[in-house]
Structure formats: structure tokens, C-alpha cells
Amino acid sequence: MLSLRQATAVLFVLTVLGGPLAADLAGPSRLATFVDGDERFYALSLSAQLDPRPRVEREVVILFDTSASQSGFVRDEQFSCLDTLLEGLLPNDRVRLMALDLSAVELHEGFATVNSPRLNEAMARLHQRAPLGATDMRAGIEAGIEGHTLGDPKPRHIVYIGDGISRANLLHKQEFTQLVLSLIEHRISVSSFAVGAKTDGHLLATLANHTGGLVLIGGDTLSAQQAGLN
């Protein structure tokens, strides 16, 4: 049985990274009739078989926060979120895993598919990486943008896992605006699993609000609109 966080994370994957729903109307149907005097009425019920899985290849850059604040049970929670995220992806999805603290470090070359040897080796390197230093969110998002195949029509996503607190580089309004404009220009959504003793939900939700992503905080999926950060 899925825990509340796991179940919500699955919904997060389907909602944030999902594509158009494919409907099959060849499922169960029911025809009912009703007679009122000389008039006969008909009601046809069709049950659509919905497949929530997208039919297009997606690029997902994952930023895993490895700063000093992400240790102990927080780090365990991070890996739980990462495992759930990867389990919800499809075989044709392409993943790029990066560790983020003072800078963003690629853990493998290029994109890799889920359960591929390249991604499995990157996961092993991530487990061995010690949580040190502070987080530079600007460097992480910029690396996430540059890590994508820009100009390609496929859906592009950045998923951040961490507390969202950018102690290494406080984002000023102008810098943040330029960052968001770049994300919008390249049609990249930013979604987050906010994990930590303290989290900057405002920053993460604002990024989600402007790019079409979602934020998972404490087991609840919040859209930026629900967080009142329009």
C-alpha cells in the first residue's frame, strides 16, 4: 500500500509531467429508455477508458540538493521522493540527474532512460556524495535550462528535490525575473519536492506558478495559485 507521500508523489508525476489523456470509448456502455405517454426517451452512457500516460518523449532534468542542510532523515526523504519520481516515469522518458549545492554537478553524461546502467551508476554516485556547503538555486536552474535539448518540440521539465533555500546566492528581483523569462522562452516547467527542516516554499511555488509546475510540500500537492503567489 502506498503511503500518503508516495500516493501524492505519483499524482505529482502524472499531473506535472503528464501529457494529453488518451481516451478509448470502446469500453462498457449502457443504453436506458424511458417512456412518458407517447414519447420515448433514450440515454446512452459511455465509459471512457483513460490512459494517463503521455505518448510523447519527455526530457526531465532532476536537481537533487546535496547541501549541508540535506542530511540525516531529510536526505532519506529526498531519496524516497527521487525513487517515487523515477518509478512514475515511462520507458521512453529521458532523465538527466544533477547534484546541486554551490554548483550543479552532472552525475552522468547526457540523458539516460530509467533503469539504464548509466542512470543506475549516477544514482550510486549520488548516494556516495556527502551533503556539504550551501545551495545556489540560480546556478541549479541555469544548469537545468542548459541541460535540455533547446529548440526541440518535446516537453521539457526541471524537477528540484530539496529545501529551496539559496544561501549561496540570494536571488534578487532582476535576476529572478531573467531566470523566469528564460524558462518561459524555452518552455521548461519547474516543479519541486520541498524537503527539509525549513523550506522556501515561496521561491519554489513562484517558480512553479510562472512555468506551469507544481510543488509538493509536506505530503500535499499545491499549485502556485493555491499558495496565493500569483
Foldseek 3Di string as FASTA:
>chain_A
DDDLLLVVLLVQLLQFVWDDKDWDQPDDKDKDWDDDPPDIDIDIGTDIDIDSHHPFEEEEEEEEEQAPQCDDVLVVVLVVSVVSNLVNDDQRYWYWYWYFFLATHTLAPATDGRPDPRVVSSVVVVVVDHHHHGGAVLRVLVVQLVNDPAPDPHAYEYEYEEQADHPSDDDDPVSVVVSLVSCVVRLYAYEYERTGPHHDVLVRLLSRQSRVHWYHYPSDIDHSVNVVND
